[in-house]
Amino acid sequence: MNDGVTISTYEFLTRFTTEREARSYLEDCRWHGSPTCPECGATSRIQTRKIEGYYRCLTCKSDFTVRNGTIFERSHVPLDKWLYAIYLLVTARKGVSSLQLSKEIGVTQKTAWFMLARLRKACGNGNDSLLSGIIEADETFLGGKEANKHEQKKQHSGRGSVGKTPVIGMRERGGRTKAVVVEKVDSNTIKEHVEGQITLGSDLYTDEHAAYKSVAGLNHQSVNHSAKQFVDGMVHTNGIESVWAVLKHGFYGIYHHFSQKHNQGYVDEFTYRLNERNVKELTMGRVDALLGKSVGLRLTYAGLVG
């Protein structure tokens, strides 16, 4: 369990040297010493099997391990490698590529890509609570630079958002961040996503984008970036813009490309990592938090690529 310390990569690797040590840690994190059947939820009448790490529920007659009912289910990757992948994801500010992860843990790039997709699904799990207080909102656009594209893929429409994927983001002052990939950033879309994520009566600070004026139930104020007004007393969007800076550094520097289908997963990864650092979680605290989010999820390869 979380021992409240920040540990180095070397310390992490020496702590979990075998699958058995990693499995024991996951069991402690998930069950706190009392194995629970993932099928019926029973905590009593749980029998230890001959094979280490396997259990049988005498209530519903099902066999299970700590992997069942998590993103690790039916994965052949050892749990010590899974734990190290989590460590890399939560400590790498700009993210970790599937190529780098494959080299770090000795699996194929395809396997590493699938592992990271499962972890990103966990990053977006349970992010339903509303933001409150002072909220900064803004939009950004994800997509490759025109100069770096093959000729047949260039938009030839000049600079701007053409051919890019829009993302709406909201950040509490000193708190959590939420971001959602959308098809467009018109008034109806912004109204729907902003109103659905912020507690009524909160303060909403934005730039001069007219779409935010349609948002109801919030105390809206704005700064006019086009007129070189970036701060007006307490009103500014510096916090959410710093989120976009980190996201784009990861996009261009680590991943180089986000697939349209998987854009939300990458955005969830970055917002999760920022949120855990905002609450000043230490290394094992961040690992434990993501392990907690991995329960109750399942992502198959067919479901990912289909």
C-alpha atoms as a PDB file:
ATOM      1  CA  MET A   1       0.000   0.000   0.000  1.00  0.00           C
ATOM      2  CA  ASN A   2       0.920   3.640  -0.255  1.00  0.00           C
ATOM      3  CA  ASP A   3       3.733   4.422   2.179  1.00  0.00           C
ATOM      4  CA  GLY A   4       3.653   8.163   1.516  1.00  0.00           C
ATOM      5  CA  VAL A   5       7.029   8.468  -0.161  1.00  0.00           C
ATOM      6  CA  THR A   6       8.436   9.484  -3.506  1.00  0.00           C
ATOM      7  CA  ILE A   7      10.727   6.744  -4.808  1.00  0.00           C
ATOM      8  CA  SER A   8      13.220   6.632  -7.651  1.00  0.00           C
ATOM      9  CA  THR A   9      13.046   4.279 -10.626  1.00  0.00           C
ATOM     10  CA  TYR A  10      15.825   2.167  -9.103  1.00  0.00           C
ATOM     11  CA  GLU A  11      13.987   1.897  -5.785  1.00  0.00           C
ATOM     12  CA  PHE A  12      10.780   0.949  -7.562  1.00  0.00           C
ATOM     13  CA  LEU A  13      12.451  -1.793  -9.594  1.00  0.00           C
ATOM     14  CA  THR A  14      14.196  -3.264  -6.540  1.00  0.00           C
ATOM     15  CA  ARG A  15      10.904  -3.245  -4.644  1.00  0.00           C
ATOM     16  CA  PHE A  16       9.012  -5.295  -7.238  1.00  0.00           C
ATOM     17  CA  THR A  17      11.485  -7.795  -8.630  1.00  0.00           C
ATOM     18  CA  THR A  18       9.078 -10.702  -9.188  1.00  0.00           C
ATOM     19  CA  GLU A  19       5.517 -11.356 -10.293  1.00  0.00           C
ATOM     20  CA  ARG A  20       4.790 -12.684  -6.798  1.00  0.00           C
ATOM     21  CA  GLU A  21       5.789  -9.396  -5.103  1.00  0.00           C
ATOM     22  CA  ALA A  22       3.698  -7.399  -7.564  1.00  0.00           C
ATOM     23  CA  ARG A  23       0.687  -9.696  -7.148  1.00  0.00           C
ATOM     24  CA  SER A  24       0.906  -9.439  -3.363  1.00  0.00           C
ATOM     25  CA  TYR A  25       0.961  -5.630  -3.642  1.00  0.00           C
ATOM     26  CA  LEU A  26      -2.079  -5.580  -5.940  1.00  0.00           C
ATOM     27  CA  GLU A  27      -3.984  -7.921  -3.624  1.00  0.00           C
ATOM     28  CA  ASP A  28      -3.231  -5.682  -0.666  1.00  0.00           C
ATOM     29  CA  CYS A  29      -4.310  -2.579  -2.593  1.00  0.00           C
ATOM     30  CA  ARG A  30      -7.528  -4.136  -3.862  1.00  0.00           C
ATOM     31  CA  TRP A  31      -8.634  -6.409  -1.030  1.00  0.00           C
ATOM     32  CA  HIS A  32      -6.824  -5.108   2.077  1.00  0.00           C
ATOM     33  CA  GLY A  33      -6.164  -8.655   3.267  1.00  0.00           C
ATOM     34  CA  SER A  34      -9.658 -10.065   2.537  1.00  0.00           C
ATOM     35  CA  PRO A  35      -9.986 -11.549  -0.989  1.00  0.00           C
ATOM     36  CA  THR A  36     -13.334 -10.625  -2.540  1.00  0.00           C
ATOM     37  CA  CYS A  37     -15.088 -12.621  -5.248  1.00  0.00           C
ATOM     38  CA  PRO A  38     -15.414 -10.432  -8.372  1.00  0.00           C
ATOM     39  CA  GLU A  39     -18.483 -12.427  -9.484  1.00  0.00           C
ATOM     40  CA  CYS A  40     -20.771 -12.293  -6.424  1.00  0.00           C
ATOM     41  CA  GLY A  41     -18.910  -9.922  -4.080  1.00  0.00           C
ATOM     42  CA  ALA A  42     -18.563 -12.482  -1.285  1.00  0.00           C
ATOM     43  CA  THR A  43     -15.768 -11.914   1.227  1.00  0.00           C
ATOM     44  CA  SER A  44     -16.363 -15.075   3.266  1.00  0.00           C
ATOM     45  CA  ARG A  45     -16.057 -18.699   2.191  1.00  0.00           C
ATOM     46  CA  ILE A  46     -13.087 -17.856  -0.019  1.00  0.00           C
ATOM     47  CA  GLN A  47     -10.754 -20.801  -0.459  1.00  0.00           C
ATOM     48  CA  THR A  48      -7.079 -20.618  -1.429  1.00  0.00           C
ATOM     49  CA  ARG A  49      -6.248 -22.872  -4.391  1.00  0.00           C
ATOM     50  CA  LYS A  50      -3.163 -24.993  -4.826  1.00  0.00           C
ATOM     51  CA  ILE A  51      -1.767 -22.641  -7.467  1.00  0.00           C
ATOM     52  CA  GLU A  52      -0.463 -19.540  -5.719  1.00  0.00           C
ATOM     53  CA  GLY A  53      -2.574 -16.456  -6.357  1.00  0.00           C
ATOM     54  CA  TYR A  54      -5.733 -18.389  -7.270  1.00  0.00           C
ATOM     55  CA  TYR A  55      -8.875 -18.424  -5.133  1.00  0.00           C
ATOM     56  CA  ARG A  56     -12.268 -20.165  -5.225  1.00  0.00           C
ATOM     57  CA  CYS A  57     -15.496 -18.629  -4.022  1.00  0.00           C
ATOM     58  CA  LEU A  58     -17.527 -21.399  -2.334  1.00  0.00           C
ATOM     59  CA  THR A  59     -20.623 -19.233  -2.581  1.00  0.00           C
ATOM     60  CA  CYS A  60     -20.819 -19.006  -6.393  1.00  0.00           C
ATOM     61  CA  LYS A  61     -18.222 -21.694  -7.220  1.00  0.00           C
ATOM     62  CA  SER A  62     -16.076 -19.367  -9.356  1.00  0.00           C
ATOM     63  CA  ASP A  63     -12.281 -19.330  -9.461  1.00  0.00           C
ATOM     64  CA  PHE A  64     -10.512 -15.980  -9.611  1.00  0.00           C
ATOM     65  CA  THR A  65      -7.282 -14.042  -9.167  1.00  0.00           C
ATOM     66  CA  VAL A  66      -6.564 -10.404  -8.411  1.00  0.00           C
ATOM     67  CA  ARG A  67      -6.598  -9.770 -12.178  1.00  0.00           C
ATOM     68  CA  ASN A  68     -10.290 -10.643 -12.580  1.00  0.00           C
ATOM     69  CA  GLY A  69     -12.561  -7.651 -13.030  1.00  0.00           C
ATOM     70  CA  THR A  70      -9.681  -5.287 -13.820  1.00  0.00           C
ATOM     71  CA  ILE A  71      -7.843  -3.979 -16.872  1.00  0.00           C
ATOM     72  CA  PHE A  72      -5.244  -6.734 -16.240  1.00  0.00           C
ATOM     73  CA  GLU A  73      -7.731  -9.564 -16.846  1.00  0.00           C
ATOM     74  CA  ARG A  74      -6.653 -12.121 -19.480  1.00  0.00           C
ATOM     75  CA  SER A  75      -3.354 -10.307 -19.978  1.00  0.00           C
ATOM     76  CA  HIS A  76      -0.287 -12.540 -20.262  1.00  0.00           C
ATOM     77  CA  VAL A  77       2.052  -9.733 -19.198  1.00  0.00           C
ATOM     78  CA  PRO A  78       3.480 -10.358 -15.688  1.00  0.00           C
ATOM     79  CA  LEU A  79       2.129  -8.073 -12.987  1.00  0.00           C
ATOM     80  CA  ASP A  80       5.567  -6.702 -12.112  1.00  0.00           C
ATOM     81  CA  LYS A  81       5.786  -5.366 -15.678  1.00  0.00           C
ATOM     82  CA  TRP A  82       2.274  -3.938 -15.377  1.00  0.00           C
ATOM     83  CA  LEU A  83       3.252  -2.134 -12.172  1.00  0.00           C
ATOM     84  CA  TYR A  84       6.330  -0.646 -13.798  1.00  0.00           C
ATOM     85  CA  ALA A  85       4.225   0.510 -16.762  1.00  0.00           C
ATOM     86  CA  ILE A  86       1.928   2.295 -14.301  1.00  0.00           C
ATOM     87  CA  TYR A  87       4.927   3.850 -12.563  1.00  0.00           C
ATOM     88  CA  LEU A  88       6.226   5.194 -15.890  1.00  0.00           C
ATOM     89  CA  LEU A  89       2.837   6.550 -16.939  1.00  0.00           C
ATOM     90  CA  VAL A  90       2.146   8.439 -13.698  1.00  0.00           C
ATOM     91  CA  THR A  91       5.644   9.896 -13.366  1.00  0.00           C
ATOM     92  CA  ALA A  92       6.368  10.859 -17.006  1.00  0.00           C
ATOM     93  CA  ARG A  93       5.167  14.452 -17.329  1.00  0.00           C
ATOM     94  CA  LYS A  94       4.814  14.267 -21.109  1.00  0.00           C
ATOM     95  CA  GLY A  95       3.785  10.621 -21.301  1.00  0.00           C
ATOM     96  CA  VAL A  96       5.489   7.426 -22.391  1.00  0.00           C
ATOM     97  CA  SER A  97       5.321   6.035 -25.931  1.00  0.00           C
ATOM     98  CA  SER A  98       4.547   2.402 -26.740  1.00  0.00           C
ATOM     99  CA  LEU A  99       8.000   2.096 -28.329  1.00  0.00           C
ATOM    100  CA  GLN A 100       9.713   3.283 -25.160  1.00  0.00           C
ATOM    101  CA  LEU A 101       7.554   1.068 -22.936  1.00  0.00           C
ATOM    102  CA  SER A 102       8.229  -1.979 -25.120  1.00  0.00           C
ATOM    103  CA  LYS A 103      11.963  -1.481 -24.645  1.00  0.00           C
ATOM    104  CA  GLU A 104      11.655  -0.784 -20.915  1.00  0.00           C
ATOM    105  CA  ILE A 105       9.725  -3.971 -20.055  1.00  0.00           C
ATOM    106  CA  GLY A 106      10.719  -6.324 -22.892  1.00  0.00           C
ATOM    107  CA  VAL A 107       7.438  -6.782 -24.784  1.00  0.00           C
ATOM    108  CA  THR A 108       6.440  -6.106 -28.375  1.00  0.00           C
ATOM    109  CA  GLN A 109       5.344  -2.597 -29.311  1.00  0.00           C
ATOM    110  CA  LYS A 110       1.872  -3.953 -30.099  1.00  0.00           C
ATOM    111  CA  THR A 111       1.588  -5.343 -26.555  1.00  0.00           C
ATOM    112  CA  ALA A 112       2.905  -2.108 -25.051  1.00  0.00           C
ATOM    113  CA  TRP A 113       0.376  -0.088 -27.090  1.00  0.00           C
ATOM    114  CA  PHE A 114      -2.470  -2.279 -25.828  1.00  0.00           C
ATOM    115  CA  MET A 115      -1.229  -1.952 -22.236  1.00  0.00           C
ATOM    116  CA  LEU A 116      -1.138   1.844 -22.480  1.00  0.00           C
ATOM    117  CA  ALA A 117      -4.632   1.895 -23.987  1.00  0.00           C
ATOM    118  CA  ARG A 118      -5.922  -0.092 -20.992  1.00  0.00           C
ATOM    119  CA  LEU A 119      -4.195   2.274 -18.580  1.00  0.00           C
ATOM    120  CA  ARG A 120      -5.685   5.303 -20.347  1.00  0.00           C
ATOM    121  CA  LYS A 121      -9.126   3.760 -19.961  1.00  0.00           C
ATOM    122  CA  ALA A 122      -8.453   3.559 -16.217  1.00  0.00           C
ATOM    123  CA  CYS A 123      -7.307   7.205 -16.222  1.00  0.00           C
ATOM    124  CA  GLY A 124     -10.757   8.258 -17.427  1.00  0.00           C
ATOM    125  CA  ASN A 125     -12.642   6.046 -14.960  1.00  0.00           C
ATOM    126  CA  GLY A 126     -14.659   7.726 -12.193  1.00  0.00           C
ATOM    127  CA  ASN A 127     -14.101  11.301 -13.344  1.00  0.00           C
ATOM    128  CA  ASP A 128     -17.751  12.283 -12.851  1.00  0.00           C
ATOM    129  CA  SER A 129     -17.657  14.712  -9.915  1.00  0.00           C
ATOM    130  CA  LEU A 130     -18.450  18.337 -10.763  1.00  0.00           C
ATOM    131  CA  LEU A 131     -15.915  21.153 -10.695  1.00  0.00           C
ATOM    132  CA  SER A 132     -16.634  24.113  -8.419  1.00  0.00           C
ATOM    133  CA  GLY A 133     -15.254  27.447  -7.239  1.00  0.00           C
ATOM    134  CA  ILE A 134     -13.290  29.404  -9.841  1.00  0.00           C
ATOM    135  CA  ILE A 135     -13.172  27.549 -13.154  1.00  0.00           C
ATOM    136  CA  GLU A 136     -11.095  28.480 -16.186  1.00  0.00           C
ATOM    137  CA  ALA A 137     -12.348  27.164 -19.535  1.00  0.00           C
ATOM    138  CA  ASP A 138     -10.763  27.195 -22.962  1.00  0.00           C
ATOM    139  CA  GLU A 139     -10.482  25.199 -26.175  1.00  0.00           C
ATOM    140  CA  THR A 140      -7.525  23.809 -28.051  1.00  0.00           C
ATOM    141  CA  PHE A 141      -7.034  21.865 -31.276  1.00  0.00           C
ATOM    142  CA  LEU A 142      -4.995  18.688 -31.692  1.00  0.00           C
ATOM    143  CA  GLY A 143      -3.408  17.813 -34.999  1.00  0.00           C
ATOM    144  CA  GLY A 144      -0.159  17.594 -36.860  1.00  0.00           C
ATOM    145  CA  LYS A 145       1.677  20.615 -38.164  1.00  0.00           C
ATOM    146  CA  GLU A 146       1.108  21.267 -41.865  1.00  0.00           C
ATOM    147  CA  ALA A 147       4.851  21.386 -42.545  1.00  0.00           C
ATOM    148  CA  ASN A 148       5.288  17.864 -41.164  1.00  0.00           C
ATOM    149  CA  LYS A 149       2.500  16.215 -43.192  1.00  0.00           C
ATOM    150  CA  HIS A 150       2.796  14.272 -46.405  1.00  0.00           C
ATOM    151  CA  GLU A 151       1.679  16.351 -49.365  1.00  0.00           C
ATOM    152  CA  GLN A 152      -1.513  14.336 -49.923  1.00  0.00           C
ATOM    153  CA  LYS A 153      -2.574  14.902 -46.299  1.00  0.00           C
ATOM    154  CA  LYS A 154      -2.068  18.662 -46.191  1.00  0.00           C
ATOM    155  CA  GLN A 155      -5.201  20.793 -45.827  1.00  0.00           C
ATOM    156  CA  HIS A 156      -3.811  23.782 -47.761  1.00  0.00           C
ATOM    157  CA  SER A 157      -6.042  26.040 -45.669  1.00  0.00           C
ATOM    158  CA  GLY A 158      -3.431  28.088 -43.882  1.00  0.00           C
ATOM    159  CA  ARG A 159      -2.891  28.110 -40.150  1.00  0.00           C
ATOM    160  CA  GLY A 160      -5.602  27.495 -37.595  1.00  0.00           C
ATOM    161  CA  SER A 161      -7.950  24.683 -36.604  1.00  0.00           C
ATOM    162  CA  VAL A 162      -8.717  23.224 -40.043  1.00  0.00           C
ATOM    163  CA  GLY A 163      -8.224  19.451 -40.010  1.00  0.00           C
ATOM    164  CA  LYS A 164      -7.597  19.356 -36.249  1.00  0.00           C
ATOM    165  CA  THR A 165      -9.589  17.856 -33.391  1.00  0.00           C
ATOM    166  CA  PRO A 166     -11.149  20.318 -30.908  1.00  0.00           C
ATOM    167  CA  VAL A 167     -10.917  19.780 -27.157  1.00  0.00           C
ATOM    168  CA  ILE A 168     -12.813  21.709 -24.465  1.00  0.00           C
ATOM    169  CA  GLY A 169     -11.029  21.974 -21.125  1.00  0.00           C
ATOM    170  CA  MET A 170     -11.979  23.247 -17.664  1.00  0.00           C
ATOM    171  CA  ARG A 171      -9.700  23.674 -14.674  1.00  0.00           C
ATOM    172  CA  GLU A 172     -10.417  24.583 -11.072  1.00  0.00           C
ATOM    173  CA  ARG A 173      -8.077  27.174  -9.621  1.00  0.00           C
ATOM    174  CA  GLY A 174      -5.642  25.034  -7.659  1.00  0.00           C
ATOM    175  CA  GLY A 175      -7.711  21.921  -8.321  1.00  0.00           C
ATOM    176  CA  ARG A 176      -8.825  19.397 -10.885  1.00  0.00           C
ATOM    177  CA  THR A 177      -8.910  19.492 -14.660  1.00  0.00           C
ATOM    178  CA  LYS A 178     -11.458  18.019 -17.050  1.00  0.00           C
ATOM    179  CA  ALA A 179     -11.188  17.885 -20.820  1.00  0.00           C
ATOM    180  CA  VAL A 180     -13.389  16.368 -23.488  1.00  0.00           C
ATOM    181  CA  VAL A 181     -12.827  15.776 -27.192  1.00  0.00           C
ATOM    182  CA  VAL A 182     -15.680  17.213 -29.276  1.00  0.00           C
ATOM    183  CA  GLU A 183     -16.600  17.513 -32.945  1.00  0.00           C
ATOM    184  CA  LYS A 184     -16.884  21.307 -32.936  1.00  0.00           C
ATOM    185  CA  VAL A 185     -16.783  24.260 -30.545  1.00  0.00           C
ATOM    186  CA  ASP A 186     -20.027  26.028 -31.310  1.00  0.00           C
ATOM    187  CA  SER A 187     -22.382  27.512 -28.692  1.00  0.00           C
ATOM    188  CA  ASN A 188     -24.512  24.388 -28.244  1.00  0.00           C
ATOM    189  CA  THR A 189     -21.512  22.099 -27.760  1.00  0.00           C
ATOM    190  CA  ILE A 190     -19.773  24.406 -25.288  1.00  0.00           C
ATOM    191  CA  LYS A 191     -23.003  25.015 -23.388  1.00  0.00           C
ATOM    192  CA  GLU A 192     -23.679  21.273 -23.095  1.00  0.00           C
ATOM    193  CA  HIS A 193     -20.237  20.268 -21.868  1.00  0.00           C
ATOM    194  CA  VAL A 194     -19.505  23.234 -19.601  1.00  0.00           C
ATOM    195  CA  GLU A 195     -22.883  23.266 -17.875  1.00  0.00           C
ATOM    196  CA  GLY A 196     -22.700  19.515 -17.361  1.00  0.00           C
ATOM    197  CA  GLN A 197     -19.330  19.624 -15.592  1.00  0.00           C
ATOM    198  CA  ILE A 198     -19.499  22.668 -13.282  1.00  0.00           C
ATOM    199  CA  THR A 199     -21.521  23.262 -10.108  1.00  0.00           C
ATOM    200  CA  LEU A 200     -24.161  25.978 -10.464  1.00  0.00           C
ATOM    201  CA  GLY A 201     -23.099  29.322  -9.034  1.00  0.00           C
ATOM    202  CA  SER A 202     -19.400  28.793  -9.721  1.00  0.00           C
ATOM    203  CA  ASP A 203     -17.250  31.480 -11.350  1.00  0.00           C
ATOM    204  CA  LEU A 204     -16.383  30.816 -14.992  1.00  0.00           C
ATOM    205  CA  TYR A 205     -13.425  32.651 -16.531  1.00  0.00           C
ATOM    206  CA  THR A 206     -12.820  32.403 -20.289  1.00  0.00           C
ATOM    207  CA  ASP A 207     -11.428  34.312 -23.242  1.00  0.00           C
ATOM    208  CA  GLU A 208     -13.669  36.360 -25.529  1.00  0.00           C
ATOM    209  CA  HIS A 209     -15.170  33.347 -27.349  1.00  0.00           C
ATOM    210  CA  ALA A 210     -18.843  34.304 -27.752  1.00  0.00           C
ATOM    211  CA  ALA A 211     -20.062  30.721 -27.231  1.00  0.00           C
ATOM    212  CA  TYR A 212     -19.420  30.929 -23.478  1.00  0.00           C
ATOM    213  CA  LYS A 213     -22.003  33.708 -23.158  1.00  0.00           C
ATOM    214  CA  SER A 214     -24.738  31.115 -23.667  1.00  0.00           C
ATOM    215  CA  VAL A 215     -23.699  29.117 -20.574  1.00  0.00           C
ATOM    216  CA  ALA A 216     -26.341  29.464 -17.844  1.00  0.00           C
ATOM    217  CA  GLY A 217     -26.115  29.266 -14.046  1.00  0.00           C
ATOM    218  CA  LEU A 218     -22.500  30.433 -13.768  1.00  0.00           C
ATOM    219  CA  ASN A 219     -20.878  33.796 -13.019  1.00  0.00           C
ATOM    220  CA  HIS A 220     -19.133  34.330 -16.339  1.00  0.00           C
ATOM    221  CA  GLN A 221     -16.334  36.856 -16.880  1.00  0.00           C
ATOM    222  CA  SER A 222     -13.834  37.029 -19.702  1.00  0.00           C
ATOM    223  CA  VAL A 223     -10.613  38.590 -20.924  1.00  0.00           C
ATOM    224  CA  ASN A 224     -10.116  39.715 -24.511  1.00  0.00           C
ATOM    225  CA  HIS A 225      -7.046  37.971 -25.898  1.00  0.00           C
ATOM    226  CA  SER A 226      -7.502  39.469 -29.351  1.00  0.00           C
ATOM    227  CA  ALA A 227      -7.129  42.924 -27.762  1.00  0.00           C
ATOM    228  CA  LYS A 228      -3.987  41.768 -25.874  1.00  0.00           C
ATOM    229  CA  GLN A 229      -5.878  41.623 -22.573  1.00  0.00           C
ATOM    230  CA  PHE A 230      -4.695  38.505 -20.760  1.00  0.00           C
ATOM    231  CA  VAL A 231      -5.393  39.362 -17.107  1.00  0.00           C
ATOM    232  CA  ASP A 232      -8.148  41.465 -15.536  1.00  0.00           C
ATOM    233  CA  GLY A 233      -7.789  41.215 -11.772  1.00  0.00           C
ATOM    234  CA  MET A 234      -8.695  37.633 -10.878  1.00  0.00           C
ATOM    235  CA  VAL A 235      -9.924  36.905 -14.404  1.00  0.00           C
ATOM    236  CA  HIS A 236      -7.525  34.969 -16.658  1.00  0.00           C
ATOM    237  CA  THR A 237      -7.126  31.572 -18.311  1.00  0.00           C
ATOM    238  CA  ASN A 238      -3.461  30.952 -17.523  1.00  0.00           C
ATOM    239  CA  GLY A 239      -4.195  27.715 -15.657  1.00  0.00           C
ATOM    240  CA  ILE A 240      -6.046  25.927 -18.431  1.00  0.00           C
ATOM    241  CA  GLU A 241      -3.573  27.235 -21.008  1.00  0.00           C
ATOM    242  CA  SER A 242      -0.753  25.612 -19.029  1.00  0.00           C
ATOM    243  CA  VAL A 243      -2.666  22.327 -19.379  1.00  0.00           C
ATOM    244  CA  TRP A 244      -2.709  22.743 -23.161  1.00  0.00           C
ATOM    245  CA  ALA A 245       1.028  23.468 -23.116  1.00  0.00           C
ATOM    246  CA  VAL A 246       1.783  20.158 -21.383  1.00  0.00           C
ATOM    247  CA  LEU A 247      -0.639  18.263 -23.630  1.00  0.00           C
ATOM    248  CA  LYS A 248       0.915  19.646 -26.810  1.00  0.00           C
ATOM    249  CA  HIS A 249       4.465  19.037 -25.601  1.00  0.00           C
ATOM    250  CA  GLY A 250       3.489  15.401 -25.166  1.00  0.00           C
ATOM    251  CA  PHE A 251       1.676  15.328 -28.499  1.00  0.00           C
ATOM    252  CA  TYR A 252       4.575  16.716 -30.537  1.00  0.00           C
ATOM    253  CA  GLY A 253       7.479  15.458 -28.428  1.00  0.00           C
ATOM    254  CA  ILE A 254       6.442  11.937 -27.378  1.00  0.00           C
ATOM    255  CA  TYR A 255       3.480  10.622 -29.351  1.00  0.00           C
ATOM    256  CA  HIS A 256       3.756  12.702 -32.561  1.00  0.00           C
ATOM    257  CA  HIS A 257       0.209  11.672 -33.468  1.00  0.00           C
ATOM    258  CA  PHE A 258      -3.062  10.907 -31.666  1.00  0.00           C
ATOM    259  CA  SER A 259      -5.432   8.632 -33.585  1.00  0.00           C
ATOM    260  CA  GLN A 260      -8.828  10.299 -33.999  1.00  0.00           C
ATOM    261  CA  LYS A 261     -10.496   7.253 -32.459  1.00  0.00           C
ATOM    262  CA  HIS A 262      -8.273   7.278 -29.367  1.00  0.00           C
ATOM    263  CA  ASN A 263      -7.935  11.041 -28.804  1.00  0.00           C
ATOM    264  CA  GLN A 264     -10.059  10.997 -25.629  1.00  0.00           C
ATOM    265  CA  GLY A 265      -7.851   8.314 -24.087  1.00  0.00           C
ATOM    266  CA  TYR A 266      -4.725  10.434 -24.535  1.00  0.00           C
ATOM    267  CA  VAL A 267      -6.504  13.501 -23.152  1.00  0.00           C
ATOM    268  CA  ASP A 268      -7.685  11.451 -20.134  1.00  0.00           C
ATOM    269  CA  GLU A 269      -4.102  10.351 -19.508  1.00  0.00           C
ATOM    270  CA  PHE A 270      -2.777  13.912 -19.396  1.00  0.00           C
ATOM    271  CA  THR A 271      -5.614  15.287 -17.264  1.00  0.00           C
ATOM    272  CA  TYR A 272      -5.311  12.359 -14.842  1.00  0.00           C
ATOM    273  CA  ARG A 273      -1.598  12.931 -14.407  1.00  0.00           C
ATOM    274  CA  LEU A 274      -2.129  16.665 -13.811  1.00  0.00           C
ATOM    275  CA  ASN A 275      -4.927  16.002 -11.337  1.00  0.00           C
ATOM    276  CA  GLU A 276      -2.869  13.602  -9.261  1.00  0.00           C
ATOM    277  CA  ARG A 277      -0.031  16.115  -9.065  1.00  0.00           C
ATOM    278  CA  ASN A 278      -2.449  18.900  -8.181  1.00  0.00           C
ATOM    279  CA  VAL A 279      -3.424  17.060  -5.001  1.00  0.00           C
ATOM    280  CA  LYS A 280       0.285  16.496  -4.294  1.00  0.00           C
ATOM    281  CA  GLU A 281       0.098  12.707  -4.351  1.00  0.00           C
ATOM    282  CA  LEU A 282       3.509  11.095  -3.980  1.00  0.00           C
ATOM    283  CA  THR A 283       4.787   8.344  -6.253  1.00  0.00           C
ATOM    284  CA  MET A 284       3.158   5.298  -4.682  1.00  0.00           C
ATOM    285  CA  GLY A 285       0.040   7.320  -3.976  1.00  0.00           C
ATOM    286  CA  ARG A 286      -0.322   7.973  -7.698  1.00  0.00           C
ATOM    287  CA  VAL A 287       0.330   4.292  -8.479  1.00  0.00           C
ATOM    288  CA  ASP A 288      -2.291   3.228  -5.918  1.00  0.00           C
ATOM    289  CA  ALA A 289      -4.807   5.730  -7.279  1.00  0.00           C
ATOM    290  CA  LEU A 290      -4.524   4.328 -10.799  1.00  0.00           C
ATOM    291  CA  LEU A 291      -4.729   0.766  -9.486  1.00  0.00           C
ATOM    292  CA  GLY A 292      -7.984   1.748  -7.797  1.00  0.00           C
ATOM    293  CA  LYS A 293      -9.347   3.108 -11.071  1.00  0.00           C
ATOM    294  CA  SER A 294      -8.416  -0.106 -12.902  1.00  0.00           C
ATOM    295  CA  VAL A 295     -11.040  -2.147 -11.049  1.00  0.00           C
ATOM    296  CA  GLY A 296     -14.384  -2.736 -12.757  1.00  0.00           C
ATOM    297  CA  LEU A 297     -13.034  -2.108 -16.269  1.00  0.00           C
ATOM    298  CA  ARG A 298     -12.402  -4.404 -19.195  1.00  0.00           C
ATOM    299  CA  LEU A 299     -10.920  -3.545 -22.567  1.00  0.00           C
ATOM    300  CA  THR A 300     -10.365  -6.237 -25.176  1.00  0.00           C
ATOM    301  CA  TYR A 301      -8.078  -5.812 -28.159  1.00  0.00           C
ATOM    302  CA  ALA A 302     -11.019  -6.369 -30.514  1.00  0.00           C
ATOM    303  CA  GLY A 303     -12.961  -3.654 -28.719  1.00  0.00           C
ATOM    304  CA  LEU A 304     -10.005  -1.292 -28.952  1.00  0.00           C
ATOM    305  CA  VAL A 305      -9.316  -1.631 -32.656  1.00  0.00           C
ATOM    306  CA  GLY A 306     -12.786  -2.603 -33.913  1.00  0.00           C
END
